[in-house]
C-alpha atoms as a PDB file:
ATOM      1  CA  MET A   1      80.947  85.665  88.250  1.00  0.00           C
ATOM      2  CA  ILE A   2      82.682  88.873  88.502  1.00  0.00           C
ATOM      3  CA  VAL A   3      80.490  91.628  89.686  1.00  0.00           C
ATOM      4  CA  VAL A   4      82.565  95.037  88.438  1.00  0.00           C
ATOM      5  CA  ASP A   5      82.319  97.923  87.871  1.00  0.00           C
ATOM      6  CA  THR A   6      83.083 101.188  85.896  1.00  0.00           C
ATOM      7  CA  ASN A   7      86.135 101.468  87.250  1.00  0.00           C
ATOM      8  CA  ILE A   8      87.727  98.222  87.112  1.00  0.00           C
ATOM      9  CA  ILE A   9      85.722  97.929  83.317  1.00  0.00           C
ATOM     10  CA  GLY A  10      87.656 100.728  82.409  1.00  0.00           C
ATOM     11  CA  TYR A  11      91.065  99.614  83.635  1.00  0.00           C
ATOM     12  CA  LEU A  12      90.289  96.712  80.857  1.00  0.00           C
ATOM     13  CA  PHE A  13      90.086  99.336  78.034  1.00  0.00           C
ATOM     14  CA  LEU A  14      92.342 102.714  78.843  1.00  0.00           C
ATOM     15  CA  THR A  15      96.064 102.148  79.759  1.00  0.00           C
ATOM     16  CA  SER A  16      96.071 102.218  83.685  1.00  0.00           C
ATOM     17  CA  GLU A  17      98.590 100.784  86.263  1.00  0.00           C
ATOM     18  CA  ARG A  18      95.778  98.766  87.513  1.00  0.00           C
ATOM     19  CA  SER A  19      95.414  97.583  83.297  1.00  0.00           C
ATOM     20  CA  GLU A  20      96.741  93.894  84.575  1.00  0.00           C
ATOM     21  CA  GLN A  21      94.963  93.332  87.142  1.00  0.00           C
ATOM     22  CA  ALA A  22      91.925  93.636  85.265  1.00  0.00           C
ATOM     23  CA  GLU A  23      93.009  91.611  83.117  1.00  0.00           C
ATOM     24  CA  LYS A  24      94.079  88.815  84.859  1.00  0.00           C
ATOM     25  CA  ALA A  25      90.597  89.520  86.284  1.00  0.00           C
ATOM     26  CA  LEU A  26      88.887  88.767  83.084  1.00  0.00           C
ATOM     27  CA  TRP A  27      90.999  85.136  81.723  1.00  0.00           C
ATOM     28  CA  LYS A  28      90.597  83.676  85.299  1.00  0.00           C
ATOM     29  CA  ASP A  29      86.247  84.255  84.628  1.00  0.00           C
ATOM     30  CA  PRO A  30      85.019  86.279  81.426  1.00  0.00           C
ATOM     31  CA  ASP A  31      81.631  85.816  83.314  1.00  0.00           C
ATOM     32  CA  TRP A  32      81.983  89.685  84.110  1.00  0.00           C
ATOM     33  CA  VAL A  33      78.398  91.625  85.034  1.00  0.00           C
ATOM     34  CA  SER A  34      77.610  94.552  86.379  1.00  0.00           C
ATOM     35  CA  PRO A  35      74.702  96.983  87.263  1.00  0.00           C
ATOM     36  CA  VAL A  36      73.064  99.618  83.967  1.00  0.00           C
ATOM     37  CA  LEU A  37      74.645 102.123  85.959  1.00  0.00           C
ATOM     38  CA  TRP A  38      77.700 101.376  84.655  1.00  0.00           C
ATOM     39  CA  ARG A  39      77.175 102.868  81.077  1.00  0.00           C
ATOM     40  CA  SER A  40      76.898 107.136  82.300  1.00  0.00           C
ATOM     41  CA  GLU A  41      79.321 106.962  84.010  1.00  0.00           C
ATOM     42  CA  PHE A  42      81.947 104.980  81.463  1.00  0.00           C
ATOM     43  CA  ARG A  43      80.743 107.005  79.417  1.00  0.00           C
ATOM     44  CA  ASN A  44      81.652 110.697  81.461  1.00  0.00           C
ATOM     45  CA  VAL A  45      84.579 109.055  82.560  1.00  0.00           C
ATOM     46  CA  LEU A  46      85.391 108.590  78.697  1.00  0.00           C
ATOM     47  CA  ALA A  47      83.857 112.450  78.194  1.00  0.00           C
ATOM     48  CA  GLN A  48      86.549 113.278  80.621  1.00  0.00           C
ATOM     49  CA  TYR A  49      89.532 111.665  78.014  1.00  0.00           C
ATOM     50  CA  ILE A  50      87.990 113.504  75.062  1.00  0.00           C
ATOM     51  CA  ARG A  51      88.102 116.727  77.539  1.00  0.00           C
ATOM     52  CA  LYS A  52      92.005 116.180  78.186  1.00  0.00           C
ATOM     53  CA  GLU A  53      92.740 115.190  74.370  1.00  0.00           C
ATOM     54  CA  LEU A  54      94.100 111.635  76.016  1.00  0.00           C
ATOM     55  CA  LEU A  55      91.581 109.960  73.309  1.00  0.00           C
ATOM     56  CA  THR A  56      89.798 110.851  70.047  1.00  0.00           C
ATOM     57  CA  PHE A  57      86.335 110.749  69.425  1.00  0.00           C
ATOM     58  CA  ASP A  58      85.808 108.097  67.342  1.00  0.00           C
ATOM     59  CA  ASP A  59      88.138 106.228  70.153  1.00  0.00           C
ATOM     60  CA  ALA A  60      86.279 106.893  72.455  1.00  0.00           C
ATOM     61  CA  VAL A  61      83.470 106.496  70.746  1.00  0.00           C
ATOM     62  CA  GLN A  62      85.023 102.229  69.672  1.00  0.00           C
ATOM     63  CA  ILE A  63      85.975 101.416  73.394  1.00  0.00           C
ATOM     64  CA  MET A  64      82.783 102.624  74.248  1.00  0.00           C
ATOM     65  CA  ASP A  65      81.027 100.191  71.135  1.00  0.00           C
ATOM     66  CA  GLU A  66      83.517  97.679  72.810  1.00  0.00           C
ATOM     67  CA  ALA A  67      83.099  98.134  76.302  1.00  0.00           C
ATOM     68  CA  THR A  68      79.355  97.650  75.623  1.00  0.00           C
ATOM     69  CA  LYS A  69      79.833  93.955  73.405  1.00  0.00           C
ATOM     70  CA  LEU A  70      81.453  93.179  76.748  1.00  0.00           C
ATOM     71  CA  MET A  71      78.960  93.124  78.989  1.00  0.00           C
ATOM     72  CA  GLU A  72      75.877  93.130  76.468  1.00  0.00           C
ATOM     73  CA  GLY A  73      73.182  90.732  78.309  1.00  0.00           C
ATOM     74  CA  ARG A  74      74.858  91.377  81.747  1.00  0.00           C
ATOM     75  CA  GLU A  75      74.232  94.298  82.957  1.00  0.00           C
ATOM     76  CA  TYR A  76      71.115  93.866  85.420  1.00  0.00           C
ATOM     77  CA  GLU A  77      68.854  96.529  87.525  1.00  0.00           C
ATOM     78  CA  ILE A  78      69.436  97.138  91.413  1.00  0.00           C
ATOM     79  CA  ALA A  79      66.000  97.340  93.057  1.00  0.00           C
ATOM     80  CA  SER A  80      65.760 100.591  95.664  1.00  0.00           C
ATOM     81  CA  LEU A  81      64.608  98.220  97.978  1.00  0.00           C
ATOM     82  CA  ALA A  82      66.222  95.605  97.727  1.00  0.00           C
ATOM     83  CA  VAL A  83      69.519  97.645  98.744  1.00  0.00           C
ATOM     84  CA  LEU A  84      67.636 100.032 101.248  1.00  0.00           C
ATOM     85  CA  GLU A  85      66.861  96.402 103.681  1.00  0.00           C
ATOM     86  CA  LEU A  86      70.774  95.810 103.611  1.00  0.00           C
ATOM     87  CA  VAL A  87      71.726  99.137 104.475  1.00  0.00           C
ATOM     88  CA  ARG A  88      69.382  98.631 107.451  1.00  0.00           C
ATOM     89  CA  HIS A  89      70.208  95.282 108.491  1.00  0.00           C
ATOM     90  CA  SER A  90      74.133  96.042 108.647  1.00  0.00           C
END
């Protein structure tokens, strides 16, 4: 299992200098998990790509759909208390 954030998901679906690393990570272990927050953050990234005309609206919708399918059933909520407890003890 690999816990990924929006950056890693973005590298996988949006061509960049780190796309190859994201692909290798997925090949190594396709069991990715992420906090539900990745969806909002990734939509924001796609919105920026649309505004800069790096992606069309239709392409952004397709990419979001593919990313959502990849992460389906692999998203989780994070308990605020647990996070704050970790901070307190670190």
